[in-house]
Amino acid sequence: MTYTTDFIAELFRAANEVDKLAPLEKGRLLQRAIVTIRDMRDIVGIPTSGTVADTLIEIGAVAASVDRRQDQDVRAALLQAAGMIRDLRITMDSQIEAMVKKARNPGPRT
């Protein structure tokens, strides 16, 4: 497994056991997820919007107030982050696959 796959699994596990986690653990997981998503977005070429509609801002709000949030809110943020990371990984993998195919088949020579 890759680091990304392991982290996605860790987020799902944490979401399933959110009631057993300390607030500090919840906040750190969400912050790691935010950094991972931002880094992956940069690699893929997705600009950071910074608008209220950006789900990453919602996840950040939950991370910032994790000690005052209900477990269901934290669970939802963990699952949302895991889904975003999974989707970005799929996008990255497809871009790499397309680049490899293009390199193998450079087209007709002139």
PDB file of N, CA and C in Angstrom:
ATOM      1  N   MET A   1       0.831  -1.194   0.000  1.00  0.00           N
ATOM      2  CA  MET A   1       0.000   0.000   0.000  1.00  0.00           C
ATOM      3  C   MET A   1       0.872   1.252   0.000  1.00  0.00           C
ATOM      4  N   THR A   2       0.327   2.297  -0.547  1.00  0.00           N
ATOM      5  CA  THR A   2       1.043   3.563  -0.577  1.00  0.00           C
ATOM      6  C   THR A   2       0.683   4.386   0.657  1.00  0.00           C
ATOM      7  N   TYR A   3       1.439   5.445   0.854  1.00  0.00           N
ATOM      8  CA  TYR A   3       1.150   6.341   1.963  1.00  0.00           C
ATOM      9  C   TYR A   3      -0.281   6.869   1.862  1.00  0.00           C
ATOM     10  N   THR A   4      -0.673   7.244   0.660  1.00  0.00           N
ATOM     11  CA  THR A   4      -2.010   7.805   0.462  1.00  0.00           C
ATOM     12  C   THR A   4      -3.090   6.794   0.818  1.00  0.00           C
ATOM     13  N   THR A   5      -2.932   5.567   0.352  1.00  0.00           N
ATOM     14  CA  THR A   5      -3.909   4.523   0.657  1.00  0.00           C
ATOM     15  C   THR A   5      -3.972   4.265   2.160  1.00  0.00           C
ATOM     16  N   ASP A   6      -2.816   4.228   2.796  1.00  0.00           N
ATOM     17  CA  ASP A   6      -2.763   4.024   4.239  1.00  0.00           C
ATOM     18  C   ASP A   6      -3.469   5.165   4.982  1.00  0.00           C
ATOM     19  N   PHE A   7      -3.260   6.386   4.510  1.00  0.00           N
ATOM     20  CA  PHE A   7      -3.877   7.531   5.170  1.00  0.00           C
ATOM     21  C   PHE A   7      -5.390   7.529   4.991  1.00  0.00           C
ATOM     22  N   ILE A   8      -5.849   7.158   3.810  1.00  0.00           N
ATOM     23  CA  ILE A   8      -7.295   7.053   3.580  1.00  0.00           C
ATOM     24  C   ILE A   8      -7.900   6.028   4.535  1.00  0.00           C
ATOM     25  N   ALA A   9      -7.235   4.888   4.673  1.00  0.00           N
ATOM     26  CA  ALA A   9      -7.712   3.855   5.593  1.00  0.00           C
ATOM     27  C   ALA A   9      -7.714   4.364   7.033  1.00  0.00           C
ATOM     28  N   GLU A  10      -6.693   5.131   7.398  1.00  0.00           N
ATOM     29  CA  GLU A  10      -6.617   5.694   8.749  1.00  0.00           C
ATOM     30  C   GLU A  10      -7.781   6.655   9.006  1.00  0.00           C
ATOM     31  N   LEU A  11      -8.124   7.452   8.008  1.00  0.00           N
ATOM     32  CA  LEU A  11      -9.248   8.379   8.152  1.00  0.00           C
ATOM     33  C   LEU A  11     -10.570   7.632   8.299  1.00  0.00           C
ATOM     34  N   PHE A  12     -10.761   6.566   7.520  1.00  0.00           N
ATOM     35  CA  PHE A  12     -11.980   5.769   7.645  1.00  0.00           C
ATOM     36  C   PHE A  12     -12.059   5.095   9.015  1.00  0.00           C
ATOM     37  N   ARG A  13     -10.936   4.552   9.468  1.00  0.00           N
ATOM     38  CA  ARG A  13     -10.913   3.918  10.797  1.00  0.00           C
ATOM     39  C   ARG A  13     -11.267   4.930  11.879  1.00  0.00           C
ATOM     40  N   ALA A  14     -10.665   6.116  11.779  1.00  0.00           N
ATOM     41  CA  ALA A  14     -10.931   7.163  12.775  1.00  0.00           C
ATOM     42  C   ALA A  14     -12.405   7.573  12.749  1.00  0.00           C
ATOM     43  N   ALA A  15     -12.990   7.655  11.560  1.00  0.00           N
ATOM     44  CA  ALA A  15     -14.403   8.017  11.458  1.00  0.00           C
ATOM     45  C   ALA A  15     -15.281   6.963  12.127  1.00  0.00           C
ATOM     46  N   ASN A  16     -14.897   5.706  11.992  1.00  0.00           N
ATOM     47  CA  ASN A  16     -15.677   4.630  12.597  1.00  0.00           C
ATOM     48  C   ASN A  16     -15.499   4.549  14.113  1.00  0.00           C
ATOM     49  N   GLU A  17     -14.406   5.106  14.609  1.00  0.00           N
ATOM     50  CA  GLU A  17     -14.122   5.059  16.051  1.00  0.00           C
ATOM     51  C   GLU A  17     -13.957   6.455  16.622  1.00  0.00           C
ATOM     52  N   VAL A  18     -14.657   7.413  16.076  1.00  0.00           N
ATOM     53  CA  VAL A  18     -14.467   8.814  16.459  1.00  0.00           C
ATOM     54  C   VAL A  18     -14.738   9.042  17.949  1.00  0.00           C
ATOM     55  N   ASP A  19     -15.622   8.271  18.535  1.00  0.00           N
ATOM     56  CA  ASP A  19     -15.932   8.434  19.954  1.00  0.00           C
ATOM     57  C   ASP A  19     -14.785   7.981  20.849  1.00  0.00           C
ATOM     58  N   LYS A  20     -13.850   7.224  20.322  1.00  0.00           N
ATOM     59  CA  LYS A  20     -12.710   6.725  21.095  1.00  0.00           C
ATOM     60  C   LYS A  20     -11.483   7.628  20.978  1.00  0.00           C
ATOM     61  N   LEU A  21     -11.542   8.626  20.107  1.00  0.00           N
ATOM     62  CA  LEU A  21     -10.397   9.498  19.872  1.00  0.00           C
ATOM     63  C   LEU A  21     -10.453  10.734  20.758  1.00  0.00           C
ATOM     64  N   ALA A  22      -9.291  11.183  21.168  1.00  0.00           N
ATOM     65  CA  ALA A  22      -9.186  12.433  21.925  1.00  0.00           C
ATOM     66  C   ALA A  22      -9.332  13.596  20.946  1.00  0.00           C
ATOM     67  N   PRO A  23      -9.798  14.733  21.435  1.00  0.00           N
ATOM     68  CA  PRO A  23      -9.946  15.898  20.554  1.00  0.00           C
ATOM     69  C   PRO A  23      -8.647  16.254  19.816  1.00  0.00           C
ATOM     70  N   LEU A  24      -7.517  16.116  20.485  1.00  0.00           N
ATOM     71  CA  LEU A  24      -6.240  16.419  19.851  1.00  0.00           C
ATOM     72  C   LEU A  24      -5.990  15.502  18.654  1.00  0.00           C
ATOM     73  N   GLU A  25      -6.301  14.216  18.788  1.00  0.00           N
ATOM     74  CA  GLU A  25      -6.125  13.264  17.695  1.00  0.00           C
ATOM     75  C   GLU A  25      -7.036  13.605  16.515  1.00  0.00           C
ATOM     76  N   LYS A  26      -8.275  13.942  16.822  1.00  0.00           N
ATOM     77  CA  LYS A  26      -9.223  14.309  15.762  1.00  0.00           C
ATOM     78  C   LYS A  26      -8.721  15.518  14.991  1.00  0.00           C
ATOM     79  N   GLY A  27      -8.296  16.532  15.723  1.00  0.00           N
ATOM     80  CA  GLY A  27      -7.810  17.758  15.096  1.00  0.00           C
ATOM     81  C   GLY A  27      -6.570  17.526  14.247  1.00  0.00           C
ATOM     82  N   ARG A  28      -5.641  16.720  14.752  1.00  0.00           N
ATOM     83  CA  ARG A  28      -4.413  16.434  13.992  1.00  0.00           C
ATOM     84  C   ARG A  28      -4.704  15.664  12.710  1.00  0.00           C
ATOM     85  N   LEU A  29      -5.608  14.699  12.787  1.00  0.00           N
ATOM     86  CA  LEU A  29      -5.981  13.951  11.581  1.00  0.00           C
ATOM     87  C   LEU A  29      -6.588  14.875  10.529  1.00  0.00           C
ATOM     88  N   LEU A  30      -7.484  15.737  10.976  1.00  0.00           N
ATOM     89  CA  LEU A  30      -8.117  16.659  10.030  1.00  0.00           C
ATOM     90  C   LEU A  30      -7.105  17.643   9.441  1.00  0.00           C
ATOM     91  N   GLN A  31      -6.166  18.125  10.264  1.00  0.00           N
ATOM     92  CA  GLN A  31      -5.140  19.036   9.754  1.00  0.00           C
ATOM     93  C   GLN A  31      -4.226  18.337   8.753  1.00  0.00           C
ATOM     94  N   ARG A  32      -3.847  17.085   9.038  1.00  0.00           N
ATOM     95  CA  ARG A  32      -3.048  16.303   8.080  1.00  0.00           C
ATOM     96  C   ARG A  32      -3.800  16.118   6.774  1.00  0.00           C
ATOM     97  N   ALA A  33      -5.093  15.880   6.890  1.00  0.00           N
ATOM     98  CA  ALA A  33      -5.912  15.700   5.689  1.00  0.00           C
ATOM     99  C   ALA A  33      -5.946  16.991   4.866  1.00  0.00           C
ATOM    100  N   ILE A  34      -6.081  18.106   5.522  1.00  0.00           N
ATOM    101  CA  ILE A  34      -6.121  19.397   4.828  1.00  0.00           C
ATOM    102  C   ILE A  34      -4.815  19.641   4.076  1.00  0.00           C
ATOM    103  N   VAL A  35      -3.696  19.403   4.728  1.00  0.00           N
ATOM    104  CA  VAL A  35      -2.392  19.590   4.086  1.00  0.00           C
ATOM    105  C   VAL A  35      -2.239  18.629   2.907  1.00  0.00           C
ATOM    106  N   THR A  36      -2.656  17.385   3.092  1.00  0.00           N
ATOM    107  CA  THR A  36      -2.561  16.387   2.021  1.00  0.00           C
ATOM    108  C   THR A  36      -3.408  16.797   0.831  1.00  0.00           C
ATOM    109  N   ILE A  37      -4.632  17.238   1.083  1.00  0.00           N
ATOM    110  CA  ILE A  37      -5.527  17.652  -0.001  1.00  0.00           C
ATOM    111  C   ILE A  37      -4.946  18.853  -0.743  1.00  0.00           C
ATOM    112  N   ARG A  38      -4.428  19.825  -0.014  1.00  0.00           N
ATOM    113  CA  ARG A  38      -3.838  21.005  -0.665  1.00  0.00           C
ATOM    114  C   ARG A  38      -2.652  20.611  -1.539  1.00  0.00           C
ATOM    115  N   ASP A  39      -1.785  19.754  -1.005  1.00  0.00           N
ATOM    116  CA  ASP A  39      -0.621  19.307  -1.776  1.00  0.00           C
ATOM    117  C   ASP A  39      -1.045  18.561  -3.036  1.00  0.00           C
ATOM    118  N   MET A  40      -2.024  17.685  -2.893  1.00  0.00           N
ATOM    119  CA  MET A  40      -2.481  16.908  -4.039  1.00  0.00           C
ATOM    120  C   MET A  40      -3.162  17.803  -5.070  1.00  0.00           C
ATOM    121  N   ARG A  41      -3.907  18.786  -4.602  1.00  0.00           N
ATOM    122  CA  ARG A  41      -4.537  19.730  -5.531  1.00  0.00           C
ATOM    123  C   ARG A  41      -3.481  20.480  -6.325  1.00  0.00           C
ATOM    124  N   ASP A  42      -2.400  20.873  -5.657  1.00  0.00           N
ATOM    125  CA  ASP A  42      -1.315  21.565  -6.354  1.00  0.00           C
ATOM    126  C   ASP A  42      -0.711  20.681  -7.438  1.00  0.00           C
ATOM    127  N   ILE A  43      -0.497  19.419  -7.121  1.00  0.00           N
ATOM    128  CA  ILE A  43       0.099  18.488  -8.086  1.00  0.00           C
ATOM    129  C   ILE A  43      -0.822  18.298  -9.288  1.00  0.00           C
ATOM    130  N   VAL A  44      -2.105  18.157  -9.023  1.00  0.00           N
ATOM    131  CA  VAL A  44      -3.074  17.917 -10.092  1.00  0.00           C
ATOM    132  C   VAL A  44      -3.338  19.194 -10.895  1.00  0.00           C
ATOM    133  N   GLY A  45      -3.139  20.337 -10.268  1.00  0.00           N
ATOM    134  CA  GLY A  45      -3.369  21.597 -10.961  1.00  0.00           C
ATOM    135  C   GLY A  45      -4.709  22.223 -10.645  1.00  0.00           C
ATOM    136  N   ILE A  46      -5.296  21.839  -9.526  1.00  0.00           N
ATOM    137  CA  ILE A  46      -6.565  22.426  -9.105  1.00  0.00           C
ATOM    138  C   ILE A  46      -6.250  23.632  -8.222  1.00  0.00           C
ATOM    139  N   PRO A  47      -6.670  24.819  -8.626  1.00  0.00           N
ATOM    140  CA  PRO A  47      -6.381  26.002  -7.809  1.00  0.00           C
ATOM    141  C   PRO A  47      -7.190  25.987  -6.516  1.00  0.00           C
ATOM    142  N   THR A  48      -6.595  26.526  -5.473  1.00  0.00           N
ATOM    143  CA  THR A  48      -7.305  26.649  -4.208  1.00  0.00           C
ATOM    144  C   THR A  48      -8.265  27.813  -4.332  1.00  0.00           C
ATOM    145  N   SER A  49      -9.545  27.526  -4.146  1.00  0.00           N
ATOM    146  CA  SER A  49     -10.551  28.556  -4.380  1.00  0.00           C
ATOM    147  C   SER A  49     -10.646  29.543  -3.222  1.00  0.00           C
ATOM    148  N   GLY A  50     -10.613  29.041  -1.991  1.00  0.00           N
ATOM    149  CA  GLY A  50     -10.736  29.923  -0.841  1.00  0.00           C
ATOM    150  C   GLY A  50     -12.137  30.470  -0.638  1.00  0.00           C
ATOM    151  N   THR A  51     -13.104  29.974  -1.398  1.00  0.00           N
ATOM    152  CA  THR A  51     -14.476  30.439  -1.241  1.00  0.00           C
ATOM    153  C   THR A  51     -15.182  29.610  -0.177  1.00  0.00           C
ATOM    154  N   VAL A  52     -16.294  30.101   0.268  1.00  0.00           N
ATOM    155  CA  VAL A  52     -17.080  29.402   1.283  1.00  0.00           C
ATOM    156  C   VAL A  52     -17.553  28.051   0.760  1.00  0.00           C
ATOM    157  N   ALA A  53     -17.715  27.932  -0.541  1.00  0.00           N
ATOM    158  CA  ALA A  53     -18.204  26.691  -1.128  1.00  0.00           C
ATOM    159  C   ALA A  53     -17.148  25.576  -1.132  1.00  0.00           C
ATOM    160  N   ASP A  54     -15.889  25.915  -0.838  1.00  0.00           N
ATOM    161  CA  ASP A  54     -14.822  24.924  -0.832  1.00  0.00           C
ATOM    162  C   ASP A  54     -14.972  24.033   0.408  1.00  0.00           C
ATOM    163  N   THR A  55     -15.120  22.757   0.174  1.00  0.00           N
ATOM    164  CA  THR A  55     -15.302  21.796   1.265  1.00  0.00           C
ATOM    165  C   THR A  55     -14.108  21.790   2.202  1.00  0.00           C
ATOM    166  N   LEU A  56     -12.942  22.120   1.705  1.00  0.00           N
ATOM    167  CA  LEU A  56     -11.744  22.145   2.537  1.00  0.00           C
ATOM    168  C   LEU A  56     -11.870  23.175   3.657  1.00  0.00           C
ATOM    169  N   ILE A  57     -12.579  24.257   3.390  1.00  0.00           N
ATOM    170  CA  ILE A  57     -12.797  25.279   4.423  1.00  0.00           C
ATOM    171  C   ILE A  57     -13.711  24.726   5.515  1.00  0.00           C
ATOM    172  N   GLU A  58     -14.707  23.950   5.115  1.00  0.00           N
ATOM    173  CA  GLU A  58     -15.592  23.326   6.102  1.00  0.00           C
ATOM    174  C   GLU A  58     -14.825  22.352   6.984  1.00  0.00           C
ATOM    175  N   ILE A  59     -13.952  21.567   6.363  1.00  0.00           N
ATOM    176  CA  ILE A  59     -13.140  20.611   7.130  1.00  0.00           C
ATOM    177  C   ILE A  59     -12.227  21.372   8.095  1.00  0.00           C
ATOM    178  N   GLY A  60     -11.665  22.480   7.630  1.00  0.00           N
ATOM    179  CA  GLY A  60     -10.820  23.312   8.487  1.00  0.00           C
ATOM    180  C   GLY A  60     -11.583  23.901   9.661  1.00  0.00           C
ATOM    181  N   ALA A  61     -12.831  24.268   9.440  1.00  0.00           N
ATOM    182  CA  ALA A  61     -13.655  24.811  10.523  1.00  0.00           C
ATOM    183  C   ALA A  61     -13.922  23.751  11.586  1.00  0.00           C
ATOM    184  N   VAL A  62     -14.161  22.526  11.139  1.00  0.00           N
ATOM    185  CA  VAL A  62     -14.367  21.423  12.093  1.00  0.00           C
ATOM    186  C   VAL A  62     -13.072  21.163  12.849  1.00  0.00           C
ATOM    187  N   ALA A  63     -11.940  21.168  12.149  1.00  0.00           N
ATOM    188  CA  ALA A  63     -10.647  20.920  12.803  1.00  0.00           C
ATOM    189  C   ALA A  63     -10.343  21.987  13.850  1.00  0.00           C
ATOM    190  N   ALA A  64     -10.691  23.231  13.545  1.00  0.00           N
ATOM    191  CA  ALA A  64     -10.405  24.330  14.459  1.00  0.00           C
ATOM    192  C   ALA A  64     -11.267  24.303  15.718  1.00  0.00           C
ATOM    193  N   SER A  65     -12.430  23.690  15.619  1.00  0.00           N
ATOM    194  CA  SER A  65     -13.341  23.674  16.772  1.00  0.00           C
ATOM    195  C   SER A  65     -13.719  22.248  17.164  1.00  0.00           C
ATOM    196  N   VAL A  66     -12.797  21.321  16.956  1.00  0.00           N
ATOM    197  CA  VAL A  66     -13.089  19.906  17.153  1.00  0.00           C
ATOM    198  C   VAL A  66     -13.524  19.598  18.591  1.00  0.00           C
ATOM    199  N   ASP A  67     -13.024  20.343  19.553  1.00  0.00           N
ATOM    200  CA  ASP A  67     -13.387  20.085  20.951  1.00  0.00           C
ATOM    201  C   ASP A  67     -14.816  20.517  21.277  1.00  0.00           C
ATOM    202  N   ARG A  68     -15.416  21.341  20.417  1.00  0.00           N
ATOM    203  CA  ARG A  68     -16.791  21.791  20.628  1.00  0.00           C
ATOM    204  C   ARG A  68     -17.774  21.142  19.664  1.00  0.00           C
ATOM    205  N   ARG A  69     -17.292  20.272  18.808  1.00  0.00           N
ATOM    206  CA  ARG A  69     -18.132  19.636  17.792  1.00  0.00           C
ATOM    207  C   ARG A  69     -18.648  18.296  18.258  1.00  0.00           C
ATOM    208  N   GLN A  70     -19.820  17.941  17.760  1.00  0.00           N
ATOM    209  CA  GLN A  70     -20.359  16.609  18.035  1.00  0.00           C
ATOM    210  C   GLN A  70     -19.598  15.591  17.203  1.00  0.00           C
ATOM    211  N   ASP A  71     -19.593  14.352  17.690  1.00  0.00           N
ATOM    212  CA  ASP A  71     -18.879  13.290  16.990  1.00  0.00           C
ATOM    213  C   ASP A  71     -19.359  13.114  15.556  1.00  0.00           C
ATOM    214  N   GLN A  72     -20.646  13.299  15.322  1.00  0.00           N
ATOM    215  CA  GLN A  72     -21.156  13.126  13.956  1.00  0.00           C
ATOM    216  C   GLN A  72     -20.585  14.168  12.999  1.00  0.00           C
ATOM    217  N   ASP A  73     -20.316  15.377  13.478  1.00  0.00           N
ATOM    218  CA  ASP A  73     -19.705  16.405  12.636  1.00  0.00           C
ATOM    219  C   ASP A  73     -18.264  16.044  12.290  1.00  0.00           C
ATOM    220  N   VAL A  74     -17.543  15.563  13.286  1.00  0.00           N
ATOM    221  CA  VAL A  74     -16.151  15.164  13.072  1.00  0.00           C
ATOM    222  C   VAL A  74     -16.102  13.956  12.142  1.00  0.00           C
ATOM    223  N   ARG A  75     -16.988  12.995  12.362  1.00  0.00           N
ATOM    224  CA  ARG A  75     -17.065  11.811  11.505  1.00  0.00           C
ATOM    225  C   ARG A  75     -17.303  12.224  10.045  1.00  0.00           C
ATOM    226  N   ALA A  76     -18.243  13.131   9.836  1.00  0.00           N
ATOM    227  CA  ALA A  76     -18.553  13.592   8.481  1.00  0.00           C
ATOM    228  C   ALA A  76     -17.336  14.271   7.844  1.00  0.00           C
ATOM    229  N   ALA A  77     -16.610  15.076   8.613  1.00  0.00           N
ATOM    230  CA  ALA A  77     -15.423  15.760   8.084  1.00  0.00           C
ATOM    231  C   ALA A  77     -14.324  14.758   7.742  1.00  0.00           C
ATOM    232  N   LEU A  78     -14.134  13.753   8.585  1.00  0.00           N
ATOM    233  CA  LEU A  78     -13.125  12.721   8.306  1.00  0.00           C
ATOM    234  C   LEU A  78     -13.470  11.946   7.033  1.00  0.00           C
ATOM    235  N   LEU A  79     -14.728  11.589   6.889  1.00  0.00           N
ATOM    236  CA  LEU A  79     -15.157  10.848   5.698  1.00  0.00           C
ATOM    237  C   LEU A  79     -15.066  11.711   4.436  1.00  0.00           C
ATOM    238  N   GLN A  80     -15.412  12.982   4.570  1.00  0.00           N
ATOM    239  CA  GLN A  80     -15.310  13.905   3.435  1.00  0.00           C
ATOM    240  C   GLN A  80     -13.856  14.040   2.995  1.00  0.00           C
ATOM    241  N   ALA A  81     -12.957  14.186   3.971  1.00  0.00           N
ATOM    242  CA  ALA A  81     -11.535  14.311   3.655  1.00  0.00           C
ATOM    243  C   ALA A  81     -11.012  13.041   2.987  1.00  0.00           C
ATOM    244  N   ALA A  82     -11.395  11.890   3.511  1.00  0.00           N
ATOM    245  CA  ALA A  82     -10.959  10.615   2.925  1.00  0.00           C
ATOM    246  C   ALA A  82     -11.443  10.499   1.482  1.00  0.00           C
ATOM    247  N   GLY A  83     -12.670  10.889   1.226  1.00  0.00           N
ATOM    248  CA  GLY A  83     -13.212  10.841  -0.124  1.00  0.00           C
ATOM    249  C   GLY A  83     -12.487  11.778  -1.071  1.00  0.00           C
ATOM    250  N   MET A  84     -12.159  12.967  -0.595  1.00  0.00           N
ATOM    251  CA  MET A  84     -11.453  13.928  -1.435  1.00  0.00           C
ATOM    252  C   MET A  84     -10.052  13.419  -1.784  1.00  0.00           C
ATOM    253  N   ILE A  85      -9.371  12.857  -0.793  1.00  0.00           N
ATOM    254  CA  ILE A  85      -8.028  12.327  -1.032  1.00  0.00           C
ATOM    255  C   ILE A  85      -8.093  11.157  -2.008  1.00  0.00           C
ATOM    256  N   ARG A  86      -9.078  10.298  -1.837  1.00  0.00           N
ATOM    257  CA  ARG A  86      -9.253   9.159  -2.753  1.00  0.00           C
ATOM    258  C   ARG A  86      -9.481   9.654  -4.181  1.00  0.00           C
ATOM    259  N   ASP A  87     -10.359  10.627  -4.343  1.00  0.00           N
ATOM    260  CA  ASP A  87     -10.647  11.166  -5.678  1.00  0.00           C
ATOM    261  C   ASP A  87      -9.418  11.821  -6.302  1.00  0.00           C
ATOM    262  N   LEU A  88      -8.663  12.555  -5.498  1.00  0.00           N
ATOM    263  CA  LEU A  88      -7.458  13.196  -6.012  1.00  0.00           C
ATOM    264  C   LEU A  88      -6.403  12.163  -6.399  1.00  0.00           C
ATOM    265  N   ARG A  89      -6.308  11.092  -5.630  1.00  0.00           N
ATOM    266  CA  ARG A  89      -5.357  10.031  -5.970  1.00  0.00           C
ATOM    267  C   ARG A  89      -5.732   9.381  -7.298  1.00  0.00           C
ATOM    268  N   ILE A  90      -7.007   9.140  -7.503  1.00  0.00           N
ATOM    269  CA  ILE A  90      -7.466   8.567  -8.769  1.00  0.00           C
ATOM    270  C   ILE A  90      -7.125   9.507  -9.921  1.00  0.00           C
ATOM    271  N   THR A  91      -7.344  10.793  -9.727  1.00  0.00           N
ATOM    272  CA  THR A  91      -7.026  11.778 -10.749  1.00  0.00           C
ATOM    273  C   THR A  91      -5.530  11.790 -11.054  1.00  0.00           C
ATOM    274  N   MET A  92      -4.720  11.750 -10.000  1.00  0.00           N
ATOM    275  CA  MET A  92      -3.269  11.737 -10.190  1.00  0.00           C
ATOM    276  C   MET A  92      -2.835  10.485 -10.943  1.00  0.00           C
ATOM    277  N   ASP A  93      -3.380   9.339 -10.557  1.00  0.00           N
ATOM    278  CA  ASP A  93      -3.026   8.078 -11.218  1.00  0.00           C
ATOM    279  C   ASP A  93      -3.409   8.099 -12.693  1.00  0.00           C
ATOM    280  N   SER A  94      -4.566   8.669 -13.018  1.00  0.00           N
ATOM    281  CA  SER A  94      -4.984   8.712 -14.414  1.00  0.00           C
ATOM    282  C   SER A  94      -4.113   9.665 -15.223  1.00  0.00           C
ATOM    283  N   GLN A  95      -3.652  10.743 -14.613  1.00  0.00           N
ATOM    284  CA  GLN A  95      -2.758  11.667 -15.313  1.00  0.00           C
ATOM    285  C   GLN A  95      -1.417  11.002 -15.592  1.00  0.00           C
ATOM    286  N   ILE A  96      -0.914  10.245 -14.625  1.00  0.00           N
ATOM    287  CA  ILE A  96       0.354   9.547 -14.812  1.00  0.00           C
ATOM    288  C   ILE A  96       0.212   8.499 -15.908  1.00  0.00           C
ATOM    289  N   GLU A  97      -0.904   7.767 -15.890  1.00  0.00           N
ATOM    290  CA  GLU A  97      -1.147   6.749 -16.913  1.00  0.00           C
ATOM    291  C   GLU A  97      -1.215   7.385 -18.304  1.00  0.00           C
ATOM    292  N   ALA A  98      -1.862   8.523 -18.414  1.00  0.00           N
ATOM    293  CA  ALA A  98      -1.965   9.208 -19.702  1.00  0.00           C
ATOM    294  C   ALA A  98      -0.591   9.677 -20.176  1.00  0.00           C
ATOM    295  N   MET A  99       0.247  10.138 -19.265  1.00  0.00           N
ATOM    296  CA  MET A  99       1.587  10.583 -19.631  1.00  0.00           C
ATOM    297  C   MET A  99       2.437   9.406 -20.103  1.00  0.00           C
ATOM    298  N   VAL A 100       2.307   8.262 -19.449  1.00  0.00           N
ATOM    299  CA  VAL A 100       3.067   7.079 -19.845  1.00  0.00           C
ATOM    300  C   VAL A 100       2.632   6.615 -21.229  1.00  0.00           C
ATOM    301  N   LYS A 101       1.326   6.580 -21.470  1.00  0.00           N
ATOM    302  CA  LYS A 101       0.823   6.173 -22.784  1.00  0.00           C
ATOM    303  C   LYS A 101       1.304   7.126 -23.864  1.00  0.00           C
ATOM    304  N   LYS A 102       1.297   8.392 -23.566  1.00  0.00           N
ATOM    305  CA  LYS A 102       1.740   9.386 -24.542  1.00  0.00           C
ATOM    306  C   LYS A 102       3.236   9.213 -24.830  1.00  0.00           C
ATOM    307  N   ALA A 103       4.018   8.920 -23.817  1.00  0.00           N
ATOM    308  CA  ALA A 103       5.464   8.727 -24.005  1.00  0.00           C
ATOM    309  C   ALA A 103       5.748   7.468 -24.822  1.00  0.00           C
ATOM    310  N   ARG A 104       4.941   6.450 -24.652  1.00  0.00           N
ATOM    311  CA  ARG A 104       5.139   5.188 -25.396  1.00  0.00           C
ATOM    312  C   ARG A 104       4.705   5.331 -26.849  1.00  0.00           C
ATOM    313  N   ASN A 105       3.716   6.157 -27.110  1.00  0.00           N
ATOM    314  CA  ASN A 105       3.189   6.347 -28.463  1.00  0.00           C
ATOM    315  C   ASN A 105       3.339   7.806 -28.872  1.00  0.00           C
ATOM    316  N   PRO A 106       4.546   8.229 -29.226  1.00  0.00           N
ATOM    317  CA  PRO A 106       4.743   9.642 -29.515  1.00  0.00           C
ATOM    318  C   PRO A 106       4.074  10.119 -30.800  1.00  0.00           C
ATOM    319  N   GLY A 107       3.525   9.201 -31.570  1.00  0.00           N
ATOM    320  CA  GLY A 107       2.854   9.598 -32.812  1.00  0.00           C
ATOM    321  C   GLY A 107       3.764   9.444 -33.999  1.00  0.00           C
ATOM    322  N   PRO A 108       3.264   9.785 -35.170  1.00  0.00           N
ATOM    323  CA  PRO A 108       4.061   9.609 -36.386  1.00  0.00           C
ATOM    324  C   PRO A 108       5.246  10.574 -36.433  1.00  0.00           C
ATOM    325  N   ARG A 109       6.339  10.097 -36.965  1.00  0.00           N
ATOM    326  CA  ARG A 109       7.527  10.946 -37.117  1.00  0.00           C
ATOM    327  C   ARG A 109       7.459  11.633 -38.465  1.00  0.00           C
ATOM    328  N   THR A 110       7.876  12.867 -38.465  1.00  0.00           N
ATOM    329  CA  THR A 110       7.866  13.621 -39.727  1.00  0.00           C
ATOM    330  C   THR A 110       9.262  13.962 -40.160  1.00  0.00           C
TER     331      THR A 110
END
